[in-house]
């Protein structure tokens, strides 16, 4: 009916804090860039290419600005960004095989 999806989308993915840790600061299980990439793929699956393109622009901005902390995942992040651009291009340029 869609109510499960709406409830799931509005709630962040939060891990339980380790034992003895403060309950005031939640630990998120995914980086924001990962969530945006997931939303991009969801938009592609739904055929909403305009939203997918906007999400790619946001993701690109996040990945190309100066990193706050060097974590060594820049190359993998950029490969994911390139793959996402390729997916959107292929979805927009579907060739008909019977022509």
Protein backbone atom coordinates (compact mmCIF):
# COMPACT_ATOMS: atom_id res chain seq x y z
CA UNK A 1 0.00 0.00 0.00
CA UNK A 2 3.01 2.31 0.27
CA UNK A 3 2.75 3.12 3.96
CA UNK A 4 5.72 0.90 4.79
CA UNK A 5 7.92 2.71 2.25
CA UNK A 6 6.93 6.15 3.56
CA UNK A 7 7.66 5.17 7.14
CA UNK A 8 11.01 3.66 6.15
CA UNK A 9 12.09 6.65 4.06
CA UNK A 10 11.42 9.18 6.80
CA UNK A 11 13.47 7.40 9.44
CA UNK A 12 17.29 7.52 9.37
CA UNK A 13 19.29 4.33 9.56
CA UNK A 14 20.72 4.47 13.06
CA UNK A 15 22.81 1.88 14.83
CA UNK A 16 22.38 1.28 18.53
CA UNK A 17 25.16 2.97 20.50
CA UNK A 18 27.81 0.69 22.01
CA UNK A 19 27.26 -0.32 25.60
CA UNK A 20 28.22 2.45 27.99
CA UNK A 21 28.13 5.11 25.25
CA UNK A 22 26.10 8.28 25.40
CA UNK A 23 22.61 8.03 23.90
CA UNK A 24 22.59 11.67 22.76
CA UNK A 25 24.59 11.23 19.51
CA UNK A 26 23.31 8.62 17.03
CA UNK A 27 25.73 6.60 14.88
CA UNK A 28 24.59 6.35 11.29
CA UNK A 29 25.26 3.13 9.41
CA UNK A 30 25.76 4.78 5.99
CA UNK A 31 27.50 7.90 4.77
CA UNK A 32 25.32 10.64 3.29
CA UNK A 33 27.00 10.14 -0.10
CA UNK A 34 26.02 6.45 -0.02
CA UNK A 35 22.40 7.37 0.69
CA UNK A 36 22.38 9.85 -2.20
CA UNK A 37 23.79 7.18 -4.52
CA UNK A 38 21.07 4.76 -3.39
CA UNK A 39 18.44 7.45 -4.02
CA UNK A 40 19.94 7.99 -7.50
CA UNK A 41 19.57 4.29 -8.35
CA UNK A 42 16.03 4.31 -6.97
CA UNK A 43 15.16 7.29 -9.20
CA UNK A 44 16.64 5.43 -12.21
CA UNK A 45 14.61 2.34 -11.35
CA UNK A 46 11.47 4.51 -11.22
CA UNK A 47 12.34 6.13 -14.56
CA UNK A 48 12.64 9.59 -13.01
CA UNK A 49 15.75 10.69 -14.90
CA UNK A 50 15.43 14.36 -14.00
CA UNK A 51 15.62 13.58 -10.28
CA UNK A 52 18.44 11.08 -10.92
CA UNK A 53 20.43 13.80 -12.71
CA UNK A 54 19.93 16.27 -9.87
CA UNK A 55 21.04 13.67 -7.33
CA UNK A 56 24.16 13.06 -9.44
CA UNK A 57 24.94 16.79 -9.35
CA UNK A 58 24.66 16.79 -5.56
CA UNK A 59 26.81 13.67 -5.27
CA UNK A 60 29.41 15.12 -7.62
CA UNK A 61 29.57 18.33 -5.59
CA UNK A 62 30.06 16.33 -2.40
CA UNK A 63 32.82 14.17 -3.86
CA UNK A 64 34.77 16.87 -5.67
CA UNK A 65 35.00 19.45 -2.90
CA UNK A 66 37.94 19.35 -0.55
CA UNK A 67 37.45 16.40 1.85
CA UNK A 68 36.97 17.24 5.50
CA UNK A 69 38.95 14.19 6.58
CA UNK A 70 41.15 12.07 4.30
CA UNK A 71 39.73 8.55 4.50
CA UNK A 72 41.29 6.92 1.44
CA UNK A 73 37.99 6.15 -0.31
CA UNK A 74 38.14 8.95 -2.88
CA UNK A 75 39.04 6.64 -5.78
CA UNK A 76 36.22 4.22 -5.00
CA UNK A 77 33.78 7.12 -4.61
CA UNK A 78 34.81 8.58 -7.96
CA UNK A 79 34.44 5.18 -9.65
CA UNK A 80 30.90 4.94 -8.25
CA UNK A 81 30.16 8.44 -9.56
CA UNK A 82 31.43 7.55 -13.06
CA UNK A 83 29.39 4.32 -13.04
CA UNK A 84 26.28 6.29 -12.04
CA UNK A 85 26.81 8.77 -14.91
CA UNK A 86 27.22 5.83 -17.29
CA UNK A 87 24.01 4.21 -16.06
CA UNK A 88 22.01 7.40 -16.54
CA UNK A 89 23.47 7.91 -20.02
CA UNK A 90 22.57 4.34 -21.05
CA UNK A 91 19.04 4.71 -19.67
CA UNK A 92 18.53 7.92 -21.61
CA UNK A 93 20.02 6.53 -24.83
CA UNK A 94 18.27 3.18 -25.10
CA UNK A 95 18.78 1.79 -28.58
CA UNK A 96 16.05 -0.18 -30.26
CA UNK A 97 17.53 -3.42 -31.53
CA UNK A 98 14.83 -4.08 -34.13
CA UNK A 99 15.48 -0.98 -36.26
